[in-house]
């Protein structure tokens, strides 16, 4: 029987591991609140599009099915970053390589600041989940390059938390020089986001921290 992993105003997420095949994660927006249904479906479409463009990239879940408000993806075993707290330099080398592979396909994840979106697999390597905010660019223009740089900065922030002594001089410079987009977000957008998500929707940045598969 499918197991409920998460439920909120945008619907619910299930782990379907009862069948004969490989486990699957099902994001179902059909149970979202009526006044958020449009947004839940829009986010589901973004996730499906990004996963479709990322097909074949290692450590990114494969898209198995999408449509009618549902996104079904591959399940990746692993612990979220805030639980595993990776301190192996290899993890961050591979994480940077993973992000660059996404960027090579013109995919910006746009939500790498959240530790639960980073998994540490049983062999100590990184994997990425939750592509609801991801964007797929038509070309590698200035806007995409800013988003891609912010993806890398967010990864480096995690490295600064768990492995600060291994930051290179160039990585420290990247951390010290946020993009115009990042500065504008901190000054205005982040406050609105925190108010809406925490006060109105009751979200927390570490929601799902106890799940080993989200």
N, C-alpha and C. Protein backbone atom coordinates (compact mmCIF):
# COMPACT_ATOMS: atom_id res chain seq x y z
N UNK A 1 0.85 -1.20 0.00
CA UNK A 1 0.00 0.00 0.00
C UNK A 1 0.88 1.25 0.00
N UNK A 2 0.61 2.22 -0.86
CA UNK A 2 1.43 3.45 -0.88
C UNK A 2 1.47 4.14 0.48
N UNK A 3 2.63 4.70 0.79
CA UNK A 3 2.83 5.34 2.08
C UNK A 3 2.88 6.86 1.91
N UNK A 4 2.15 7.57 2.75
CA UNK A 4 2.12 9.03 2.69
C UNK A 4 3.43 9.58 3.23
N UNK A 5 4.09 10.38 2.40
CA UNK A 5 5.33 11.03 2.81
C UNK A 5 5.10 12.46 3.25
N UNK A 6 4.19 13.13 2.58
CA UNK A 6 3.98 14.55 2.84
C UNK A 6 2.58 14.95 2.38
N UNK A 7 1.96 15.85 3.12
CA UNK A 7 0.67 16.39 2.72
C UNK A 7 0.60 17.84 3.14
N UNK A 8 0.19 18.71 2.19
CA UNK A 8 0.05 20.12 2.49
C UNK A 8 -1.03 20.71 1.62
N UNK A 9 -1.10 22.03 1.56
CA UNK A 9 -2.15 22.68 0.80
C UNK A 9 -2.04 22.44 -0.71
N UNK A 10 -0.87 21.97 -1.16
CA UNK A 10 -0.63 21.75 -2.58
C UNK A 10 -0.90 20.31 -3.00
N UNK A 11 -1.33 19.47 -2.09
CA UNK A 11 -1.62 18.08 -2.42
C UNK A 11 -0.86 17.15 -1.50
N UNK A 12 -0.49 15.98 -2.02
CA UNK A 12 0.23 15.03 -1.19
C UNK A 12 1.28 14.29 -2.02
N UNK A 13 2.25 13.72 -1.31
CA UNK A 13 3.32 12.95 -1.94
C UNK A 13 3.32 11.57 -1.32
N UNK A 14 3.35 10.55 -2.18
CA UNK A 14 3.29 9.16 -1.74
C UNK A 14 4.53 8.41 -2.18
N UNK A 15 4.93 7.43 -1.39
CA UNK A 15 5.94 6.46 -1.80
C UNK A 15 5.23 5.17 -2.13
N UNK A 16 5.30 4.77 -3.38
CA UNK A 16 4.67 3.54 -3.83
C UNK A 16 5.75 2.49 -3.99
N UNK A 17 5.91 1.65 -2.96
CA UNK A 17 6.95 0.62 -2.99
C UNK A 17 6.37 -0.77 -2.75
N UNK A 18 5.05 -0.89 -2.94
CA UNK A 18 4.40 -2.17 -2.64
C UNK A 18 4.35 -3.10 -3.85
N UNK A 19 4.50 -2.54 -5.05
CA UNK A 19 4.38 -3.36 -6.26
C UNK A 19 5.65 -4.13 -6.57
N UNK A 20 5.62 -4.89 -7.65
CA UNK A 20 6.79 -5.71 -8.03
C UNK A 20 7.94 -4.89 -8.61
N UNK A 21 7.66 -3.70 -9.09
CA UNK A 21 8.71 -2.88 -9.70
C UNK A 21 9.48 -2.05 -8.69
N UNK A 22 10.31 -1.17 -9.22
CA UNK A 22 11.10 -0.29 -8.36
C UNK A 22 10.19 0.72 -7.66
N UNK A 23 10.57 1.19 -6.47
CA UNK A 23 9.76 2.19 -5.76
C UNK A 23 9.60 3.46 -6.58
N UNK A 24 8.46 4.12 -6.42
CA UNK A 24 8.17 5.35 -7.15
C UNK A 24 7.64 6.39 -6.17
N UNK A 25 7.94 7.63 -6.45
CA UNK A 25 7.40 8.76 -5.68
C UNK A 25 6.34 9.43 -6.53
N UNK A 26 5.16 9.61 -5.93
CA UNK A 26 4.02 10.17 -6.65
C UNK A 26 3.63 11.49 -6.01
N UNK A 27 3.75 12.58 -6.78
CA UNK A 27 3.27 13.88 -6.32
C UNK A 27 1.89 14.09 -6.95
N UNK A 28 0.86 14.20 -6.11
CA UNK A 28 -0.52 14.29 -6.59
C UNK A 28 -1.12 15.61 -6.14
N UNK A 29 -1.44 16.47 -7.10
CA UNK A 29 -1.99 17.78 -6.77
C UNK A 29 -3.52 17.80 -6.78
N UNK A 30 -4.13 16.67 -7.07
CA UNK A 30 -5.60 16.66 -7.17
C UNK A 30 -6.27 16.87 -5.81
N UNK A 31 -5.50 16.70 -4.73
CA UNK A 31 -6.06 16.93 -3.39
C UNK A 31 -5.69 18.31 -2.85
N UNK A 32 -5.14 19.18 -3.69
CA UNK A 32 -4.78 20.53 -3.24
C UNK A 32 -6.03 21.35 -2.95
N UNK A 33 -5.87 22.39 -2.15
CA UNK A 33 -6.98 23.29 -1.88
C UNK A 33 -7.41 23.98 -3.17
N UNK A 34 -8.70 24.19 -3.32
CA UNK A 34 -9.21 24.69 -4.60
C UNK A 34 -8.58 26.02 -4.99
N UNK A 35 -8.25 26.86 -4.01
CA UNK A 35 -7.73 28.17 -4.33
C UNK A 35 -6.23 28.15 -4.65
N UNK A 36 -5.59 26.97 -4.47
CA UNK A 36 -4.20 26.81 -4.83
C UNK A 36 -4.00 25.77 -5.93
N UNK A 37 -5.08 25.23 -6.44
CA UNK A 37 -4.98 24.15 -7.43
C UNK A 37 -4.20 24.59 -8.66
N UNK A 38 -4.44 25.82 -9.11
CA UNK A 38 -3.74 26.30 -10.31
C UNK A 38 -2.25 26.36 -10.10
N UNK A 39 -1.84 26.81 -8.89
CA UNK A 39 -0.42 26.92 -8.59
C UNK A 39 0.21 25.54 -8.42
N UNK A 40 -0.50 24.65 -7.75
CA UNK A 40 0.01 23.29 -7.56
C UNK A 40 0.23 22.59 -8.89
N UNK A 41 -0.70 22.75 -9.81
CA UNK A 41 -0.55 22.13 -11.13
C UNK A 41 0.57 22.77 -11.93
N UNK A 42 0.71 24.09 -11.79
CA UNK A 42 1.79 24.79 -12.49
C UNK A 42 3.15 24.30 -12.00
N UNK A 43 3.30 24.15 -10.69
CA UNK A 43 4.55 23.64 -10.14
C UNK A 43 4.81 22.21 -10.58
N UNK A 44 3.76 21.40 -10.64
CA UNK A 44 3.91 20.02 -11.10
C UNK A 44 4.38 19.98 -12.55
N UNK A 45 3.84 20.86 -13.38
CA UNK A 45 4.27 20.91 -14.78
C UNK A 45 5.73 21.33 -14.89
N UNK A 46 6.15 22.29 -14.06
CA UNK A 46 7.55 22.72 -14.07
C UNK A 46 8.46 21.55 -13.68
N UNK A 47 8.07 20.81 -12.65
CA UNK A 47 8.88 19.69 -12.23
C UNK A 47 8.98 18.64 -13.33
N UNK A 48 7.86 18.33 -13.96
CA UNK A 48 7.87 17.33 -15.02
C UNK A 48 8.74 17.78 -16.18
N UNK A 49 8.64 19.04 -16.55
CA UNK A 49 9.44 19.55 -17.68
C UNK A 49 10.93 19.48 -17.37
N UNK A 50 11.31 19.89 -16.16
CA UNK A 50 12.73 19.86 -15.79
C UNK A 50 13.25 18.43 -15.77
N UNK A 51 12.50 17.51 -15.18
CA UNK A 51 12.94 16.12 -15.12
C UNK A 51 13.02 15.50 -16.52
N UNK A 52 12.12 15.92 -17.38
CA UNK A 52 12.14 15.42 -18.76
C UNK A 52 13.43 15.87 -19.46
N UNK A 53 13.81 17.12 -19.26
CA UNK A 53 15.03 17.63 -19.87
C UNK A 53 16.29 17.05 -19.22
N UNK A 54 16.17 16.60 -17.98
CA UNK A 54 17.32 16.05 -17.25
C UNK A 54 17.46 14.55 -17.44
N UNK A 55 16.64 13.96 -18.29
CA UNK A 55 16.67 12.51 -18.48
C UNK A 55 18.08 12.02 -18.76
N UNK A 56 18.51 11.02 -18.00
CA UNK A 56 19.84 10.46 -18.19
C UNK A 56 20.92 11.08 -17.34
N UNK A 57 20.64 12.20 -16.69
CA UNK A 57 21.64 12.80 -15.80
C UNK A 57 21.71 11.97 -14.52
N UNK A 58 22.88 11.44 -14.18
CA UNK A 58 22.99 10.63 -12.96
C UNK A 58 22.61 11.44 -11.72
N UNK A 59 22.02 10.76 -10.73
CA UNK A 59 21.67 11.35 -9.44
C UNK A 59 20.51 12.33 -9.51
N UNK A 60 19.76 12.30 -10.61
CA UNK A 60 18.50 13.05 -10.73
C UNK A 60 17.42 12.02 -11.00
N UNK A 61 16.31 12.05 -10.28
CA UNK A 61 15.28 11.02 -10.47
C UNK A 61 14.68 11.05 -11.87
N UNK A 62 14.49 9.88 -12.43
CA UNK A 62 13.89 9.78 -13.76
C UNK A 62 12.39 10.05 -13.67
N UNK A 63 11.88 10.78 -14.65
CA UNK A 63 10.45 11.01 -14.75
C UNK A 63 9.80 9.77 -15.34
N UNK A 64 8.83 9.22 -14.63
CA UNK A 64 8.16 8.00 -15.07
C UNK A 64 6.80 8.26 -15.69
N UNK A 65 6.13 9.32 -15.21
CA UNK A 65 4.77 9.60 -15.69
C UNK A 65 4.40 11.02 -15.29
N UNK A 66 3.63 11.69 -16.12
CA UNK A 66 3.17 13.04 -15.78
C UNK A 66 1.87 13.32 -16.52
N UNK A 67 0.96 14.02 -15.82
CA UNK A 67 -0.30 14.38 -16.43
C UNK A 67 -1.44 14.31 -15.43
N UNK A 68 -2.50 15.05 -15.71
CA UNK A 68 -3.68 15.08 -14.84
C UNK A 68 -3.33 15.44 -13.40
N UNK A 69 -2.40 16.37 -13.25
CA UNK A 69 -2.06 16.85 -11.91
C UNK A 69 -1.15 15.95 -11.12
N UNK A 70 -0.57 14.94 -11.76
CA UNK A 70 0.31 14.00 -11.06
C UNK A 70 1.69 13.97 -11.73
N UNK A 71 2.71 13.82 -10.88
CA UNK A 71 4.07 13.60 -11.36
C UNK A 71 4.60 12.36 -10.65
N UNK A 72 5.02 11.39 -11.43
CA UNK A 72 5.56 10.14 -10.87
C UNK A 72 7.02 10.06 -11.27
N UNK A 73 7.86 9.92 -10.28
CA UNK A 73 9.30 9.89 -10.54
C UNK A 73 9.95 8.72 -9.83
N UNK A 74 11.17 8.46 -10.24
CA UNK A 74 11.99 7.44 -9.61
C UNK A 74 12.28 7.81 -8.16
N UNK A 75 12.36 6.81 -7.30
CA UNK A 75 12.76 7.01 -5.91
C UNK A 75 14.27 6.82 -5.80
N UNK A 76 14.93 7.75 -5.13
CA UNK A 76 16.38 7.65 -4.91
C UNK A 76 16.63 7.50 -3.42
N UNK A 77 17.30 6.43 -3.05
CA UNK A 77 17.61 6.20 -1.64
C UNK A 77 18.67 7.19 -1.17
N UNK A 78 18.48 7.71 0.03
CA UNK A 78 19.46 8.64 0.58
C UNK A 78 18.90 9.40 1.76
N UNK A 79 19.79 10.02 2.50
CA UNK A 79 19.41 10.85 3.64
C UNK A 79 19.54 12.32 3.25
N UNK A 80 18.61 13.17 3.69
CA UNK A 80 18.74 14.60 3.38
C UNK A 80 19.99 15.18 4.02
N UNK A 81 20.51 16.21 3.38
CA UNK A 81 21.79 16.78 3.79
C UNK A 81 21.85 17.16 5.25
N UNK A 82 20.78 17.74 5.77
CA UNK A 82 20.84 18.22 7.16
C UNK A 82 20.93 17.08 8.16
N UNK A 83 20.59 15.88 7.75
CA UNK A 83 20.76 14.72 8.62
C UNK A 83 22.13 14.07 8.41
N UNK A 84 22.53 13.92 7.14
CA UNK A 84 23.80 13.25 6.84
C UNK A 84 25.00 14.15 7.09
N UNK A 85 24.83 15.46 6.92
CA UNK A 85 25.89 16.44 7.15
C UNK A 85 27.21 16.02 6.49
N UNK A 86 27.23 15.96 5.16
CA UNK A 86 28.41 15.44 4.45
C UNK A 86 29.65 16.30 4.65
N UNK A 87 30.74 15.65 5.00
CA UNK A 87 32.02 16.34 5.20
C UNK A 87 33.14 15.74 4.36
N UNK A 88 32.76 14.92 3.41
CA UNK A 88 33.73 14.32 2.50
C UNK A 88 33.92 15.25 1.30
N UNK A 89 35.15 15.68 1.02
CA UNK A 89 35.37 16.57 -0.14
C UNK A 89 34.82 15.99 -1.44
N UNK A 90 34.83 14.67 -1.55
CA UNK A 90 34.32 14.04 -2.77
C UNK A 90 32.86 14.38 -3.00
N UNK A 91 32.08 14.47 -1.93
CA UNK A 91 30.66 14.79 -2.07
C UNK A 91 30.49 16.12 -2.80
N UNK A 92 31.26 17.12 -2.41
CA UNK A 92 31.09 18.46 -2.98
C UNK A 92 31.68 18.54 -4.39
N UNK A 93 32.71 17.76 -4.67
CA UNK A 93 33.20 17.71 -6.05
C UNK A 93 32.13 17.12 -6.98
N UNK A 94 31.52 16.04 -6.53
CA UNK A 94 30.49 15.40 -7.34
C UNK A 94 29.22 16.26 -7.41
N UNK A 95 28.93 16.96 -6.32
CA UNK A 95 27.75 17.85 -6.32
C UNK A 95 27.93 18.98 -7.34
N UNK A 96 29.11 19.54 -7.38
CA UNK A 96 29.39 20.60 -8.36
C UNK A 96 29.30 20.05 -9.78
N UNK A 97 29.80 18.84 -9.98
CA UNK A 97 29.72 18.22 -11.31
C UNK A 97 28.26 17.97 -11.69
N UNK A 98 27.44 17.56 -10.72
CA UNK A 98 26.02 17.32 -10.97
C UNK A 98 25.30 18.61 -11.37
N UNK A 99 25.56 19.68 -10.65
CA UNK A 99 24.92 20.96 -10.96
C UNK A 99 25.35 21.43 -12.36
N UNK A 100 26.59 21.26 -12.69
CA UNK A 100 27.07 21.69 -14.01
C UNK A 100 26.46 20.84 -15.12
N UNK A 101 26.20 19.58 -14.84
CA UNK A 101 25.52 18.75 -15.84
C UNK A 101 24.11 19.27 -16.11
N UNK A 102 23.42 19.69 -15.06
CA UNK A 102 22.10 20.28 -15.25
C UNK A 102 22.20 21.56 -16.05
N UNK A 103 23.17 22.39 -15.71
CA UNK A 103 23.33 23.66 -16.41
C UNK A 103 23.67 23.44 -17.89
N UNK A 104 24.40 22.37 -18.19
CA UNK A 104 24.73 22.08 -19.58
C UNK A 104 23.47 21.78 -20.39
N UNK A 105 22.41 21.37 -19.69
CA UNK A 105 21.12 21.13 -20.36
C UNK A 105 20.17 22.32 -20.21
N UNK A 106 20.73 23.43 -19.76
CA UNK A 106 19.99 24.68 -19.59
C UNK A 106 18.91 24.56 -18.51
N UNK A 107 19.19 23.77 -17.49
CA UNK A 107 18.28 23.60 -16.35
C UNK A 107 18.89 24.29 -15.14
N UNK A 108 18.15 25.20 -14.54
CA UNK A 108 18.53 25.80 -13.26
C UNK A 108 17.58 25.25 -12.21
N UNK A 109 18.12 24.71 -11.15
CA UNK A 109 17.26 24.09 -10.12
C UNK A 109 16.49 25.13 -9.35
N UNK A 110 17.14 26.23 -8.97
CA UNK A 110 16.51 27.38 -8.31
C UNK A 110 16.06 27.13 -6.87
N UNK A 111 16.39 25.98 -6.30
CA UNK A 111 15.98 25.72 -4.91
C UNK A 111 17.06 24.92 -4.17
N UNK A 112 18.30 25.20 -4.49
CA UNK A 112 19.40 24.44 -3.89
C UNK A 112 19.79 24.95 -2.51
N UNK A 113 19.21 26.06 -2.07
CA UNK A 113 19.49 26.54 -0.72
C UNK A 113 18.89 25.62 0.33
N UNK A 114 17.87 24.86 -0.04
CA UNK A 114 17.20 23.98 0.92
C UNK A 114 17.95 22.66 1.04
N UNK A 115 18.42 22.37 2.22
CA UNK A 115 19.18 21.15 2.44
C UNK A 115 18.38 19.88 2.14
N UNK A 116 17.06 19.83 2.42
CA UNK A 116 16.32 18.60 2.11
C UNK A 116 16.30 18.26 0.63
N UNK A 117 16.63 19.20 -0.25
CA UNK A 117 16.66 18.90 -1.68
C UNK A 117 17.96 18.22 -2.10
N UNK A 118 18.93 18.19 -1.19
CA UNK A 118 20.19 17.48 -1.42
C UNK A 118 20.16 16.17 -0.65
N UNK A 119 20.38 15.06 -1.35
CA UNK A 119 20.47 13.77 -0.69
C UNK A 119 21.92 13.31 -0.62
N UNK A 120 22.21 12.52 0.38
CA UNK A 120 23.48 11.81 0.47
C UNK A 120 23.14 10.34 0.32
N UNK A 121 23.53 9.75 -0.79
CA UNK A 121 23.17 8.37 -1.10
C UNK A 121 23.96 7.41 -0.22
N UNK A 122 23.57 6.13 -0.18
CA UNK A 122 24.30 5.17 0.68
C UNK A 122 25.79 5.08 0.38
N UNK A 123 26.22 5.40 -0.85
CA UNK A 123 27.65 5.37 -1.15
C UNK A 123 28.31 6.73 -0.95
N UNK A 124 27.60 7.67 -0.30
CA UNK A 124 28.19 8.95 0.06
C UNK A 124 28.22 9.98 -1.04
N UNK A 125 27.44 9.77 -2.09
CA UNK A 125 27.42 10.70 -3.21
C UNK A 125 26.16 11.55 -3.21
N UNK A 126 26.16 12.67 -3.92
CA UNK A 126 24.99 13.56 -3.92
C UNK A 126 23.93 13.12 -4.92
N UNK A 127 22.70 13.49 -4.60
CA UNK A 127 21.58 13.38 -5.53
C UNK A 127 20.66 14.57 -5.27
N UNK A 128 19.89 14.93 -6.27
CA UNK A 128 19.00 16.09 -6.17
C UNK A 128 17.56 15.69 -6.39
N UNK A 129 16.66 16.30 -5.61
CA UNK A 129 15.23 16.07 -5.77
C UNK A 129 14.50 17.42 -5.70
N UNK A 130 13.20 17.37 -5.88
CA UNK A 130 12.30 18.53 -5.79
C UNK A 130 12.65 19.59 -6.83
N UNK A 131 12.15 19.37 -8.04
CA UNK A 131 12.41 20.27 -9.16
C UNK A 131 11.20 21.15 -9.46
N UNK A 132 10.36 21.41 -8.47
CA UNK A 132 9.16 22.20 -8.71
C UNK A 132 9.46 23.63 -9.14
N UNK A 133 10.55 24.19 -8.64
CA UNK A 133 10.91 25.57 -8.97
C UNK A 133 11.94 25.64 -10.10
N UNK A 134 12.33 24.51 -10.63
CA UNK A 134 13.35 24.49 -11.67
C UNK A 134 12.85 25.15 -12.94
N UNK A 135 13.78 25.72 -13.69
CA UNK A 135 13.45 26.35 -14.97
C UNK A 135 14.33 25.77 -16.06
N UNK A 136 13.78 25.71 -17.25
CA UNK A 136 14.52 25.24 -18.43
C UNK A 136 14.59 26.41 -19.41
N UNK A 137 15.79 26.87 -19.67
CA UNK A 137 15.98 28.05 -20.52
C UNK A 137 16.07 27.65 -21.99
N UNK A 138 15.62 28.55 -22.84
CA UNK A 138 15.75 28.32 -24.28
C UNK A 138 17.18 28.51 -24.74
N UNK A 139 17.89 29.39 -24.05
CA UNK A 139 19.29 29.64 -24.40
C UNK A 139 20.04 30.05 -23.14
N UNK A 140 21.33 30.01 -23.22
CA UNK A 140 22.17 30.34 -22.07
C UNK A 140 22.45 31.84 -22.05
N UNK A 141 21.41 32.62 -21.89
CA UNK A 141 21.52 34.07 -21.86
C UNK A 141 21.90 34.58 -20.47
N UNK A 142 21.84 35.88 -20.32
CA UNK A 142 22.27 36.51 -19.07
C UNK A 142 21.42 36.05 -17.89
N UNK A 143 20.10 35.96 -18.09
CA UNK A 143 19.21 35.55 -17.01
C UNK A 143 19.54 34.13 -16.55
N UNK A 144 19.74 33.23 -17.51
CA UNK A 144 20.08 31.86 -17.14
C UNK A 144 21.41 31.81 -16.40
N UNK A 145 22.39 32.58 -16.87
CA UNK A 145 23.70 32.55 -16.23
C UNK A 145 23.62 33.04 -14.78
N UNK A 146 22.74 34.01 -14.50
CA UNK A 146 22.56 34.46 -13.12
C UNK A 146 21.94 33.35 -12.27
N UNK A 147 20.93 32.67 -12.80
CA UNK A 147 20.31 31.57 -12.07
C UNK A 147 21.30 30.45 -11.83
N UNK A 148 22.10 30.14 -12.86
CA UNK A 148 23.08 29.07 -12.72
C UNK A 148 24.14 29.43 -11.66
N UNK A 149 24.56 30.68 -11.66
CA UNK A 149 25.55 31.10 -10.66
C UNK A 149 24.97 31.01 -9.26
N UNK A 150 23.70 31.35 -9.10
CA UNK A 150 23.09 31.25 -7.79
C UNK A 150 22.95 29.78 -7.35
N UNK A 151 22.70 28.88 -8.29
CA UNK A 151 22.71 27.45 -7.95
C UNK A 151 24.05 27.08 -7.33
N UNK A 152 25.12 27.51 -7.97
CA UNK A 152 26.46 27.17 -7.47
C UNK A 152 26.73 27.83 -6.13
N UNK A 153 26.32 29.08 -5.97
CA UNK A 153 26.52 29.77 -4.69
C UNK A 153 25.81 29.03 -3.56
N UNK A 154 24.60 28.54 -3.82
CA UNK A 154 23.86 27.84 -2.78
C UNK A 154 24.56 26.53 -2.40
N UNK A 155 25.12 25.85 -3.39
CA UNK A 155 25.90 24.65 -3.08
C UNK A 155 27.10 25.02 -2.23
N UNK A 156 27.79 26.09 -2.59
CA UNK A 156 28.98 26.50 -1.84
C UNK A 156 28.63 26.93 -0.41
N UNK A 157 27.44 27.46 -0.22
CA UNK A 157 27.01 27.79 1.15
C UNK A 157 26.95 26.53 2.01
N UNK A 158 26.46 25.44 1.43
CA UNK A 158 26.42 24.18 2.17
C UNK A 158 27.84 23.67 2.45
N UNK A 159 28.71 23.82 1.48
CA UNK A 159 30.10 23.42 1.70
C UNK A 159 30.72 24.27 2.80
N UNK A 160 30.39 25.55 2.83
CA UNK A 160 30.90 26.44 3.89
C UNK A 160 30.40 25.98 5.27
N UNK A 161 29.19 25.44 5.31
CA UNK A 161 28.64 24.96 6.58
C UNK A 161 29.33 23.70 7.07
N UNK A 162 29.53 22.73 6.17
CA UNK A 162 30.00 21.40 6.59
C UNK A 162 31.47 21.14 6.30
N UNK A 163 32.08 21.90 5.39
CA UNK A 163 33.48 21.65 5.05
C UNK A 163 34.17 22.98 4.71
N UNK A 164 34.14 23.95 5.61
CA UNK A 164 34.64 25.29 5.29
C UNK A 164 36.13 25.33 4.94
N UNK A 165 36.90 24.44 5.52
CA UNK A 165 38.34 24.46 5.28
C UNK A 165 38.74 24.05 3.88
N UNK A 166 37.80 23.50 3.10
CA UNK A 166 38.13 23.06 1.75
C UNK A 166 37.60 23.99 0.67
N UNK A 167 37.10 25.14 1.06
CA UNK A 167 36.69 26.13 0.06
C UNK A 167 37.93 26.70 -0.62
N UNK A 168 37.89 26.78 -1.94
CA UNK A 168 39.01 27.36 -2.68
C UNK A 168 38.88 28.89 -2.67
N UNK A 169 39.97 29.61 -2.97
CA UNK A 169 39.87 31.08 -3.05
C UNK A 169 38.80 31.53 -4.04
N UNK A 170 38.67 30.86 -5.16
CA UNK A 170 37.65 31.25 -6.14
C UNK A 170 36.25 31.02 -5.57
N UNK A 171 36.06 29.92 -4.87
CA UNK A 171 34.75 29.65 -4.27
C UNK A 171 34.41 30.68 -3.20
N UNK A 172 35.40 31.13 -2.45
CA UNK A 172 35.16 32.18 -1.46
C UNK A 172 34.77 33.49 -2.13
N UNK A 173 35.37 33.77 -3.28
CA UNK A 173 35.00 34.99 -4.01
C UNK A 173 33.56 34.90 -4.52
N UNK A 174 33.16 33.73 -4.99
CA UNK A 174 31.78 33.55 -5.44
C UNK A 174 30.81 33.77 -4.29
N UNK A 175 31.13 33.24 -3.14
CA UNK A 175 30.27 33.42 -1.97
C UNK A 175 30.21 34.88 -1.54
N UNK A 176 31.29 35.60 -1.73
CA UNK A 176 31.35 36.99 -1.28
C UNK A 176 30.71 37.97 -2.26
N UNK A 177 30.36 37.49 -3.46
CA UNK A 177 29.80 38.40 -4.47
C UNK A 177 28.48 37.85 -5.01
N UNK A 178 27.40 38.00 -4.25
CA UNK A 178 26.10 37.54 -4.74
C UNK A 178 25.67 38.33 -5.98
N UNK A 179 24.89 37.69 -6.82
CA UNK A 179 24.41 38.33 -8.04
C UNK A 179 23.40 39.43 -7.72
N UNK A 180 23.12 40.24 -8.71
CA UNK A 180 22.07 41.27 -8.56
C UNK A 180 20.75 40.61 -8.19
N UNK A 181 20.47 39.50 -8.82
CA UNK A 181 19.23 38.76 -8.53
C UNK A 181 19.19 38.32 -7.07
N UNK A 182 20.31 37.78 -6.57
CA UNK A 182 20.35 37.32 -5.18
C UNK A 182 20.20 38.48 -4.20
N UNK A 183 20.84 39.61 -4.51
CA UNK A 183 20.72 40.78 -3.62
C UNK A 183 19.29 41.31 -3.61
N UNK A 184 18.66 41.35 -4.77
CA UNK A 184 17.27 41.83 -4.84
C UNK A 184 16.35 40.89 -4.08
N UNK A 185 16.61 39.59 -4.19
CA UNK A 185 15.78 38.60 -3.47
C UNK A 185 15.90 38.79 -1.97
N UNK A 186 17.11 38.99 -1.48
CA UNK A 186 17.30 39.16 -0.04
C UNK A 186 16.63 40.43 0.45
N UNK A 187 16.66 41.48 -0.38
CA UNK A 187 16.14 42.77 0.05
C UNK A 187 14.61 42.82 0.03
N UNK A 188 13.99 42.12 -0.89
CA UNK A 188 12.53 42.24 -1.05
C UNK A 188 11.81 40.91 -1.10
N UNK A 189 12.14 40.11 -2.10
CA UNK A 189 11.37 38.89 -2.36
C UNK A 189 11.40 37.89 -1.22
N UNK A 190 12.53 37.76 -0.54
CA UNK A 190 12.63 36.76 0.51
C UNK A 190 11.66 37.05 1.65
N UNK A 191 11.48 38.34 1.97
CA UNK A 191 10.56 38.69 3.06
C UNK A 191 9.14 38.30 2.71
N UNK A 192 8.75 38.56 1.47
CA UNK A 192 7.40 38.19 1.03
C UNK A 192 7.25 36.68 1.04
N UNK A 193 8.27 35.98 0.54
CA UNK A 193 8.24 34.52 0.49
C UNK A 193 8.09 33.93 1.90
N UNK A 194 8.88 34.43 2.84
CA UNK A 194 8.82 33.92 4.21
C UNK A 194 7.44 34.18 4.82
N UNK A 195 6.89 35.38 4.59
CA UNK A 195 5.58 35.70 5.14
C UNK A 195 4.51 34.75 4.58
N UNK A 196 4.52 34.57 3.24
CA UNK A 196 3.49 33.74 2.62
C UNK A 196 3.64 32.28 3.01
N UNK A 197 4.87 31.75 2.93
CA UNK A 197 5.05 30.32 3.16
C UNK A 197 4.96 29.95 4.64
N UNK A 198 5.51 30.79 5.52
CA UNK A 198 5.52 30.43 6.94
C UNK A 198 4.27 30.89 7.68
N UNK A 199 3.84 32.11 7.40
CA UNK A 199 2.69 32.63 8.13
C UNK A 199 1.36 32.16 7.54
N UNK A 200 1.25 32.23 6.21
CA UNK A 200 -0.03 31.90 5.58
C UNK A 200 -0.17 30.41 5.29
N UNK A 201 0.91 29.77 4.82
CA UNK A 201 0.82 28.36 4.43
C UNK A 201 1.37 27.41 5.48
N UNK A 202 2.07 27.94 6.48
CA UNK A 202 2.57 27.08 7.54
C UNK A 202 3.75 26.22 7.14
N UNK A 203 4.49 26.60 6.09
CA UNK A 203 5.65 25.83 5.67
C UNK A 203 6.83 26.13 6.57
N UNK A 204 7.81 25.21 6.56
CA UNK A 204 9.11 25.43 7.16
C UNK A 204 10.16 24.97 6.16
N UNK A 205 11.31 25.65 6.14
CA UNK A 205 12.36 25.31 5.17
C UNK A 205 12.83 23.88 5.33
N UNK A 206 12.77 23.33 6.55
CA UNK A 206 13.27 21.97 6.77
C UNK A 206 12.12 20.97 6.83
N UNK A 207 11.01 21.31 6.24
CA UNK A 207 9.90 20.36 6.17
C UNK A 207 10.36 19.11 5.45
N UNK A 208 10.02 17.95 6.02
CA UNK A 208 10.45 16.70 5.42
C UNK A 208 11.83 16.27 5.89
N UNK A 209 12.35 16.95 6.94
CA UNK A 209 13.71 16.66 7.37
C UNK A 209 13.88 15.22 7.84
N UNK A 210 12.79 14.59 8.29
CA UNK A 210 12.90 13.22 8.77
C UNK A 210 12.73 12.19 7.69
N UNK A 211 12.44 12.59 6.46
CA UNK A 211 12.23 11.64 5.38
C UNK A 211 13.53 11.37 4.67
N UNK A 212 13.77 10.16 4.33
CA UNK A 212 15.02 9.78 3.69
C UNK A 212 14.88 9.61 2.18
N UNK A 213 13.81 10.13 1.63
CA UNK A 213 13.57 9.87 0.21
C UNK A 213 12.91 11.05 -0.49
N UNK A 214 12.81 12.20 0.12
CA UNK A 214 12.19 13.35 -0.55
C UNK A 214 13.25 14.25 -1.15
